[in-house]
Amino acid sequence: MATLRETAEKYAPLTDAEAEWLALLTADWQIIADLSFADLVMWHAVDDGFVAIAQCRPSTGPTVHQDDVVGTMAAPGRVAHLQRALDEGGITASREPRWDETYAVREDALPIVMDGRRIAVLTREVSQAVSRSSSRLELNYKGAADDLLHMITRGEFPTQMSVTGSRRGAPRVGDGVVRLDAAGHVTYASPNALSCFHRLGVTGSLMNRSLPRVTSEPHYRQGTHRRDARDGGDGARALARRHRGQRCDAVHAGHPRDRARRAHRRRAAVPRRLGAFVGASVSHHEGRDDS
């Protein structure tokens, strides 16, 4: 299978830094597709338009593209929209839906920025054949996706720290989503996220509570300790393996064996390790409350 760089360089060259940046983004963009309920396509500018060099389908809803689009040129009617996003530097909504076979597709386009330079274009494509309710969960999912997309346009995402290693597996939105403000207070926790924390000894609502503080309180440490005793001393890690996409293993910072490191890492560890979509957006939305 051709790499992203090999695909792109069939049409136009990429520098080593550009290729690495785009590869970092595709390593973690499944989160954005799932939070958006949308397909993502990465476009590389060439002399006669734009060519698709990577794509991602959502696991939370139907795909727009039944066939792979990597290696195909953008239709002439879409080139102006993609170029506008590259020129203007923000998230650009299509002026009207485009028709794909028998259904309409709504499309947002935005530049991928690295070191202040716009090096490619990303589209978020949603079929309008499926109407979605404006539930609190979906509004928060889409809000988190928008946060990350805006960060991409500012060159603030991805980061080396956000990329998921193969040992831990990619974060899975369906396992639970927690949104934090800049101070680490919870502005939203999905039902599955609440279930995860309840199993780890956190009782009651998480709303408006400091997540680093919650995961360092005595009842939390006691909960992980009791699970350790029942599971032969490895309970917290066993639970983390079962919920690794959810990044609830972030709370290893509360395990007794990590006591020496916990005081130093307490505030940073939980937001950083709860997943890229949490850790990346924490520092950019101080005071924001989408609950």
Protein backbone atom coordinates (compact mmCIF):
# COMPACT_ATOMS: atom_id res chain seq x y z
CA MET A 1 0.00 0.00 0.00
CA ALA A 2 1.35 3.40 -0.98
CA THR A 3 2.09 5.86 1.81
CA LEU A 4 0.47 9.28 1.94
CA ARG A 5 3.70 10.86 0.72
CA GLU A 6 4.07 8.41 -2.15
CA THR A 7 0.50 9.12 -3.25
CA ALA A 8 0.96 12.90 -3.00
CA GLU A 9 4.29 12.96 -4.83
CA LYS A 10 2.81 11.28 -7.89
CA TYR A 11 1.26 14.71 -8.51
CA ALA A 12 3.35 17.33 -6.65
CA PRO A 13 6.30 17.22 -4.23
CA LEU A 14 6.15 17.49 -0.43
CA THR A 15 8.98 18.46 1.87
CA ASP A 16 10.01 16.06 4.64
CA ALA A 17 8.41 18.35 7.24
CA GLU A 18 5.13 18.60 5.30
CA ALA A 19 4.93 14.85 4.80
CA GLU A 20 5.52 14.23 8.51
CA TRP A 21 2.89 16.81 9.55
CA LEU A 22 0.24 15.34 7.28
CA ALA A 23 1.08 11.83 8.48
CA LEU A 24 0.69 12.97 12.10
CA LEU A 25 -2.74 14.36 11.29
CA THR A 26 -3.97 11.19 9.61
CA ALA A 27 -2.70 9.15 12.58
CA ASP A 28 -5.32 10.75 14.84
CA TRP A 29 -8.06 12.12 12.59
CA GLN A 30 -10.43 9.20 13.17
CA ILE A 31 -11.48 11.09 16.31
CA ILE A 32 -12.53 14.11 14.24
CA ALA A 33 -14.48 11.97 11.75
CA ASP A 34 -16.33 10.21 14.57
CA LEU A 35 -17.09 13.41 16.49
CA SER A 36 -18.32 15.04 13.25
CA PHE A 37 -20.33 12.02 12.03
CA ALA A 38 -18.60 12.84 8.74
CA ASP A 39 -16.07 11.68 6.15
CA LEU A 40 -12.74 13.48 6.00
CA VAL A 41 -10.71 13.85 2.81
CA MET A 42 -7.24 15.40 2.53
CA TRP A 43 -6.51 17.31 -0.69
CA HIS A 44 -3.11 18.18 -2.17
CA ALA A 45 -2.90 21.21 -4.47
CA VAL A 46 -1.55 20.46 -7.95
CA ASP A 47 -1.23 22.50 -11.13
CA ASP A 48 -4.68 21.63 -12.46
CA GLY A 49 -6.65 21.46 -9.22
CA PHE A 50 -6.60 19.22 -6.17
CA VAL A 51 -5.98 15.50 -5.71
CA ALA A 52 -7.22 13.40 -2.78
CA ILE A 53 -4.28 11.87 -0.90
CA ALA A 54 -6.02 10.42 2.19
CA GLN A 55 -9.52 9.78 3.50
CA CYS A 56 -11.23 8.70 6.70
CA ARG A 57 -14.74 7.33 7.24
CA PRO A 58 -16.75 7.78 10.45
CA SER A 59 -17.56 4.84 12.70
CA THR A 60 -20.47 6.81 14.20
CA GLY A 61 -22.57 7.13 11.05
CA PRO A 62 -22.90 6.30 7.35
CA THR A 63 -20.11 7.16 4.94
CA VAL A 64 -20.48 9.55 2.04
CA HIS A 65 -17.92 7.67 -0.08
CA GLN A 66 -18.74 4.04 -0.78
CA ASP A 67 -15.60 3.82 -2.93
CA ASP A 68 -12.11 5.05 -2.08
CA VAL A 69 -11.37 8.52 -3.44
CA VAL A 70 -7.61 8.56 -2.81
CA GLY A 71 -5.81 9.36 -6.04
CA THR A 72 -8.80 11.02 -7.70
CA MET A 73 -8.94 14.65 -8.79
CA ALA A 74 -11.53 17.02 -7.35
CA ALA A 75 -14.43 17.65 -9.73
CA PRO A 76 -14.15 21.02 -11.50
CA GLY A 77 -17.15 22.35 -9.60
CA ARG A 78 -15.39 21.77 -6.26
CA VAL A 79 -12.04 23.36 -7.07
CA ALA A 80 -13.18 26.93 -6.30
CA HIS A 81 -14.40 25.89 -2.86
CA LEU A 82 -11.16 24.11 -2.01
CA GLN A 83 -9.07 27.03 -3.29
CA ARG A 84 -11.17 29.51 -1.26
CA ALA A 85 -10.40 27.58 1.93
CA LEU A 86 -6.70 27.61 1.06
CA ASP A 87 -6.75 31.34 0.30
CA GLU A 88 -8.93 32.53 3.20
CA GLY A 89 -7.41 30.35 5.91
CA GLY A 90 -10.57 29.42 7.84
CA ILE A 91 -13.33 26.83 7.81
CA THR A 92 -15.34 27.50 4.66
CA ALA A 93 -18.80 26.04 4.19
CA SER A 94 -19.91 25.17 0.66
CA ARG A 95 -22.38 27.72 -0.66
CA GLU A 96 -24.82 24.96 -1.57
CA PRO A 97 -24.90 21.17 -1.13
CA ARG A 98 -23.48 19.06 -3.90
CA TRP A 99 -25.35 16.05 -5.21
CA ASP A 100 -23.70 12.64 -5.04
CA GLU A 101 -25.84 10.11 -6.89
CA THR A 102 -29.24 10.44 -5.15
CA TYR A 103 -28.40 12.45 -2.02
CA ALA A 104 -27.03 15.86 -1.12
CA VAL A 105 -23.69 16.30 0.65
CA ARG A 106 -22.82 19.26 2.85
CA GLU A 107 -19.12 20.08 2.80
CA ASP A 108 -16.77 22.21 4.90
CA ALA A 109 -13.24 22.90 3.70
CA LEU A 110 -10.31 24.20 5.72
CA PRO A 111 -6.56 24.62 5.28
CA ILE A 112 -4.07 22.36 7.03
CA VAL A 113 -1.51 24.75 8.52
CA MET A 114 2.08 23.95 9.52
CA ASP A 115 4.43 26.65 10.85
CA GLY A 116 2.13 29.35 9.52
CA ARG A 117 1.98 27.86 6.01
CA ARG A 118 -1.10 26.33 4.38
CA ILE A 119 0.13 23.04 2.99
CA ALA A 120 -3.07 21.14 2.11
CA VAL A 121 -6.86 21.25 2.39
CA LEU A 122 -9.17 19.10 4.52
CA THR A 123 -12.84 18.57 3.74
CA ARG A 124 -15.51 17.38 6.15
CA GLU A 125 -18.36 15.83 4.20
CA VAL A 126 -21.77 14.89 5.63
CA SER A 127 -24.67 13.26 3.81
CA GLN A 128 -27.94 15.12 4.20
CA ALA A 129 -29.85 11.94 3.50
CA VAL A 130 -29.61 11.16 7.23
CA SER A 131 -31.17 13.70 9.57
CA ARG A 132 -29.60 13.81 13.02
CA SER A 133 -31.23 15.03 16.22
CA SER A 134 -29.72 17.96 18.08
CA SER A 135 -29.21 16.00 21.27
CA ARG A 136 -26.84 17.23 23.94
CA LEU A 137 -24.43 14.41 23.11
CA GLU A 138 -24.34 15.23 19.41
CA LEU A 139 -23.97 18.96 20.00
CA ASN A 140 -20.98 18.32 22.25
CA TYR A 141 -19.47 15.82 19.81
CA LYS A 142 -19.70 18.33 16.99
CA GLY A 143 -18.47 21.14 19.20
CA ALA A 144 -15.37 19.13 20.09
CA ALA A 145 -14.80 18.36 16.40
CA ASP A 146 -15.08 22.06 15.54
CA ASP A 147 -12.52 22.87 18.24
CA LEU A 148 -10.02 20.50 16.66
CA LEU A 149 -10.71 21.71 13.13
CA HIS A 150 -10.11 25.32 14.17
CA MET A 151 -6.85 24.20 15.78
CA ILE A 152 -5.81 22.62 12.47
CA THR A 153 -6.34 25.98 10.73
CA ARG A 154 -4.05 27.63 13.31
CA GLY A 155 -1.34 24.97 13.10
CA GLU A 156 -1.99 23.83 16.69
CA PHE A 157 -3.05 20.27 15.87
CA PRO A 158 -1.69 17.65 15.47
CA THR A 159 1.14 17.47 17.98
CA GLN A 160 3.66 14.75 18.66
CA MET A 161 2.04 14.26 22.07
CA SER A 162 -1.45 13.82 20.59
CA VAL A 163 -0.59 10.92 18.31
CA THR A 164 -1.66 7.51 19.53
CA GLY A 165 0.87 4.71 19.66
CA SER A 166 0.11 1.31 18.18
CA ARG A 167 0.38 -0.36 21.59
CA ARG A 168 -2.46 1.67 23.06
CA GLY A 169 -4.78 1.71 20.08
CA ALA A 170 -6.70 4.68 18.68
CA PRO A 171 -9.18 6.49 20.94
CA ARG A 172 -12.75 5.44 20.24
CA VAL A 173 -15.38 8.15 20.58
CA GLY A 174 -18.12 5.62 21.34
CA ASP A 175 -16.28 4.55 24.49
CA GLY A 176 -16.73 7.97 26.07
CA VAL A 177 -16.03 11.67 25.57
CA VAL A 178 -15.05 14.20 28.22
CA ARG A 179 -14.72 17.91 27.44
CA LEU A 180 -12.67 20.17 29.70
CA ASP A 181 -12.12 23.90 29.99
CA ALA A 182 -8.66 25.42 30.33
CA ALA A 183 -8.68 24.87 34.10
CA GLY A 184 -9.45 21.16 33.73
CA HIS A 185 -13.11 21.42 34.78
CA VAL A 186 -15.58 19.10 33.08
CA THR A 187 -18.02 20.89 30.79
CA TYR A 188 -19.49 17.68 29.37
CA ALA A 189 -19.17 13.94 29.97
CA SER A 190 -20.99 11.41 27.78
CA PRO A 191 -22.92 8.56 29.43
CA ASN A 192 -20.24 6.02 28.53
CA ALA A 193 -17.53 8.25 30.01
CA LEU A 194 -19.51 8.53 33.25
CA SER A 195 -19.86 4.74 33.38
CA CYS A 196 -16.12 4.35 33.01
CA PHE A 197 -15.34 6.72 35.85
CA HIS A 198 -18.03 5.19 38.06
CA ARG A 199 -16.36 1.81 37.63
CA LEU A 200 -13.13 3.43 38.78
CA GLY A 201 -14.70 4.70 42.00
CA VAL A 202 -15.91 8.19 41.03
CA THR A 203 -19.51 8.73 42.15
CA GLY A 204 -21.99 11.42 41.19
CA SER A 205 -21.88 13.86 38.31
CA LEU A 206 -18.60 15.06 36.83
CA MET A 207 -20.07 18.33 35.57
CA ASN A 208 -18.15 21.44 36.62
CA ARG A 209 -15.72 19.37 38.68
CA SER A 210 -11.95 19.49 38.27
CA LEU A 211 -11.01 16.23 36.60
CA PRO A 212 -7.40 16.18 37.88
CA ARG A 213 -8.72 16.76 41.41
CA VAL A 214 -11.44 14.11 41.09
CA THR A 215 -8.91 11.49 40.04
CA SER A 216 -6.61 12.30 42.96
CA GLU A 217 -9.26 12.21 45.71
CA PRO A 218 -9.20 9.44 48.34
CA HIS A 219 -12.37 7.69 47.15
CA TYR A 220 -10.88 7.36 43.69
CA ARG A 221 -7.58 5.95 44.95
CA GLN A 222 -9.48 3.58 47.23
CA GLY A 223 -11.58 2.41 44.30
CA THR A 224 -8.53 1.55 42.20
CA HIS A 225 -6.83 -0.05 45.20
CA ARG A 226 -9.82 -2.32 45.90
CA ARG A 227 -9.91 -3.31 42.25
CA ASP A 228 -6.19 -4.06 42.38
CA ALA A 229 -6.67 -6.35 45.36
CA ARG A 230 -9.49 -8.21 43.68
CA ASP A 231 -7.64 -8.59 40.38
CA GLY A 232 -4.28 -9.70 41.76
CA GLY A 233 -2.62 -6.29 41.89
CA ASP A 234 -3.23 -5.32 38.27
CA GLY A 235 -6.84 -4.16 38.30
CA ALA A 236 -6.34 -0.62 37.10
CA ARG A 237 -4.26 -1.75 34.15
CA ALA A 238 -6.72 -4.55 33.37
CA LEU A 239 -9.59 -2.07 33.26
CA ALA A 240 -7.50 0.26 31.13
CA ARG A 241 -6.89 -2.50 28.61
CA ARG A 242 -10.62 -3.16 28.36
CA HIS A 243 -11.29 0.55 27.81
CA ARG A 244 -8.09 1.64 26.16
CA GLY A 245 -9.81 3.67 23.43
CA GLN A 246 -11.53 5.66 26.13
CA ARG A 247 -8.23 6.63 27.69
CA CYS A 248 -9.51 5.93 31.19
CA ASP A 249 -6.07 4.48 31.84
CA ALA A 250 -5.08 8.11 32.24
CA VAL A 251 -5.89 7.61 35.89
CA HIS A 252 -2.81 5.49 36.49
CA ALA A 253 -1.57 8.76 37.98
CA GLY A 254 -3.75 7.86 40.98
CA HIS A 255 -2.33 4.37 41.53
CA PRO A 256 -0.36 3.95 44.80
CA ARG A 257 2.75 2.81 42.93
CA ASP A 258 2.82 6.16 41.14
CA ARG A 259 2.62 8.19 44.37
CA ALA A 260 6.06 9.72 43.96
CA ARG A 261 5.26 10.98 40.47
CA ARG A 262 1.65 11.88 41.09
CA ALA A 263 2.19 15.23 42.80
CA HIS A 264 4.36 16.46 39.94
CA ARG A 265 2.13 15.21 37.11
CA ARG A 266 -1.34 15.50 38.62
CA ARG A 267 -2.65 18.48 36.70
CA ALA A 268 -1.05 17.56 33.38
CA ALA A 269 -1.47 13.78 33.28
CA VAL A 270 -5.23 13.44 33.09
CA PRO A 271 -6.00 15.98 30.35
CA ARG A 272 -2.98 14.87 28.32
CA ARG A 273 -3.73 11.17 28.44
CA LEU A 274 -7.51 11.20 28.16
CA GLY A 275 -7.06 11.37 24.39
CA ALA A 276 -6.00 13.80 21.71
CA PHE A 277 -9.41 15.41 21.41
CA VAL A 278 -9.44 16.31 25.10
CA GLY A 279 -5.80 17.17 25.67
CA ALA A 280 -5.50 19.24 22.51
CA SER A 281 -8.52 21.44 23.13
CA VAL A 282 -8.11 22.10 26.84
CA SER A 283 -5.77 25.06 26.55
CA HIS A 284 -7.72 26.96 23.92
CA HIS A 285 -11.21 27.34 25.38
CA GLU A 286 -10.87 28.89 28.79
CA GLY A 287 -14.24 29.51 30.37
CA ARG A 288 -16.16 27.76 27.62
CA ASP A 289 -19.14 25.73 28.83
CA ASP A 290 -21.17 23.71 26.36
CA SER A 291 -23.23 21.91 28.95
